[in-house]
Amino acid sequence: MRIQHPLVALIQAKLAYVKRKQEDYAGAEEMLTRSLRTKDAQLGADYPDIAITLHQLGFVKDKQEGYTRAEEMLTRAFRIEKLHLGLDHPDIVLTLQELSSVKEGEEIRQRPLR
């Protein structure tokens, strides 16, 4: 039986941060995915805190070269931030910068070598 409580999600996110700092992106992804599931179940899919987890998950997927998934996570984070924070909020700028970086990086990696 899984414990689904917002505090468990917070601990999972903190563990993911440690894993990310250790460059253990697979471990970070696992913890962030668990945290996201818990938050979705307990808080609702559009709760503002979920955008933070989605942004972090997008960053991790980018590091793993999972560009499509990174873009999906960051796009969802943007939608939640836009809904709750408005377009002038600094968090939206950070999310859009990360989203732009993912798209740009994917385009560069897809170019043929010369």
Protein backbone atom coordinates (compact mmCIF):
# COMPACT_ATOMS: atom_id res chain seq x y z
CA MET A 1 0.00 0.00 0.00
CA ARG A 2 1.37 3.40 -0.99
CA ILE A 3 1.14 6.32 1.36
CA GLN A 4 -0.26 9.30 -0.51
CA HIS A 5 0.12 12.42 1.56
CA PRO A 6 1.42 15.85 0.53
CA LEU A 7 4.29 15.57 3.06
CA VAL A 8 5.39 12.31 1.46
CA ALA A 9 5.42 14.11 -1.89
CA LEU A 10 7.61 16.83 -0.36
CA ILE A 11 10.10 14.28 0.98
CA GLN A 12 10.18 12.56 -2.42
CA ALA A 13 10.89 15.91 -4.10
CA LYS A 14 13.73 16.60 -1.65
CA LEU A 15 15.20 13.15 -2.32
CA ALA A 16 14.95 13.88 -6.03
CA TYR A 17 16.92 17.10 -5.48
CA VAL A 18 19.72 15.13 -3.81
CA LYS A 19 19.70 12.56 -6.62
CA ARG A 20 19.81 15.35 -9.21
CA LYS A 21 22.80 16.98 -7.49
CA GLN A 22 24.53 13.59 -7.58
CA GLU A 23 23.72 13.44 -11.30
CA ASP A 24 21.63 10.33 -10.66
CA TYR A 25 18.95 11.43 -13.11
CA ALA A 26 17.18 8.07 -13.18
CA GLY A 27 16.83 8.17 -9.39
CA ALA A 28 15.68 11.80 -9.52
CA GLU A 29 13.11 10.93 -12.17
CA GLU A 30 11.75 8.07 -10.06
CA MET A 31 11.36 10.29 -6.97
CA LEU A 32 9.83 13.17 -8.96
CA THR A 33 7.40 10.82 -10.71
CA ARG A 34 6.28 9.43 -7.36
CA SER A 35 5.95 12.94 -5.96
CA LEU A 36 3.93 14.02 -8.99
CA ARG A 37 1.56 11.05 -8.67
CA THR A 38 1.01 11.79 -4.99
CA LYS A 39 0.41 15.49 -5.60
CA ASP A 40 -1.94 14.79 -8.51
CA ALA A 41 -3.97 12.41 -6.34
CA GLN A 42 -4.05 14.58 -3.22
CA LEU A 43 -4.05 18.13 -4.55
CA GLY A 44 -5.51 17.92 -8.05
CA ALA A 45 -3.85 18.06 -11.46
CA ASP A 46 -3.74 21.87 -11.66
CA TYR A 47 -2.55 22.67 -8.14
CA PRO A 48 0.21 25.34 -8.31
CA ASP A 49 2.84 23.24 -6.49
CA ILE A 50 2.57 20.59 -9.20
CA ALA A 51 4.13 23.05 -11.66
CA ILE A 52 7.33 23.04 -9.61
CA THR A 53 7.56 19.25 -9.75
CA LEU A 54 6.79 19.26 -13.47
CA HIS A 55 9.52 21.83 -14.09
CA GLN A 56 12.03 19.73 -12.17
CA LEU A 57 10.94 16.59 -14.01
CA GLY A 58 11.30 18.40 -17.34
CA PHE A 59 14.85 19.40 -16.39
CA VAL A 60 15.71 15.80 -15.48
CA LYS A 61 14.21 14.41 -18.70
CA ASP A 62 16.22 16.97 -20.67
CA LYS A 63 19.40 15.75 -18.98
CA GLN A 64 18.44 12.18 -19.94
CA GLU A 65 17.84 13.31 -23.52
CA GLY A 66 14.13 12.55 -23.18
CA TYR A 67 13.24 15.72 -25.05
CA THR A 68 9.65 14.90 -25.95
CA ARG A 69 8.81 14.04 -22.37
CA ALA A 70 10.72 17.09 -21.09
CA GLU A 71 8.69 19.30 -23.41
CA GLU A 72 5.43 17.71 -22.22
CA MET A 73 6.32 18.28 -18.56
CA LEU A 74 7.42 21.88 -19.09
CA THR A 75 4.38 22.69 -21.21
CA ARG A 76 2.08 21.38 -18.49
CA ALA A 77 4.04 23.38 -15.88
CA PHE A 78 3.61 26.50 -18.01
CA ARG A 79 -0.14 25.99 -18.28
CA ILE A 80 -0.51 25.62 -14.52
CA GLU A 81 1.69 28.64 -13.81
CA LYS A 82 -0.19 30.74 -16.34
CA LEU A 83 -3.50 29.76 -14.76
CA HIS A 84 -2.46 30.54 -11.18
CA LEU A 85 0.34 33.08 -11.43
CA GLY A 86 -0.29 35.13 -14.55
CA LEU A 87 2.08 35.79 -17.41
CA ASP A 88 4.19 38.37 -15.55
CA HIS A 89 5.37 35.99 -12.82
CA PRO A 90 9.13 35.15 -12.77
CA ASP A 91 8.47 31.40 -12.51
CA ILE A 92 6.83 31.48 -15.93
CA VAL A 93 9.94 33.08 -17.40
CA LEU A 94 12.09 30.29 -15.95
CA THR A 95 9.77 27.61 -17.31
CA LEU A 96 9.71 29.19 -20.76
CA GLN A 97 13.51 29.48 -20.76
CA GLU A 98 13.84 25.80 -19.90
CA LEU A 99 11.25 24.88 -22.54
CA SER A 100 13.11 26.94 -25.14
CA SER A 101 16.40 25.30 -24.16
CA VAL A 102 14.88 21.83 -24.56
CA LYS A 103 13.49 22.65 -28.00
CA GLU A 104 16.72 24.29 -29.14
CA GLY A 105 18.83 21.42 -27.85
CA GLU A 106 16.63 18.88 -29.57
CA GLU A 107 16.90 20.75 -32.88
CA ILE A 108 20.68 20.91 -32.61
CA ARG A 109 20.96 17.21 -31.80
CA GLN A 110 18.76 16.29 -34.76
CA ARG A 111 20.92 18.14 -37.30
CA PRO A 112 23.05 15.88 -39.45
CA LEU A 113 26.76 15.87 -38.73
CA ARG A 114 28.88 17.53 -41.37
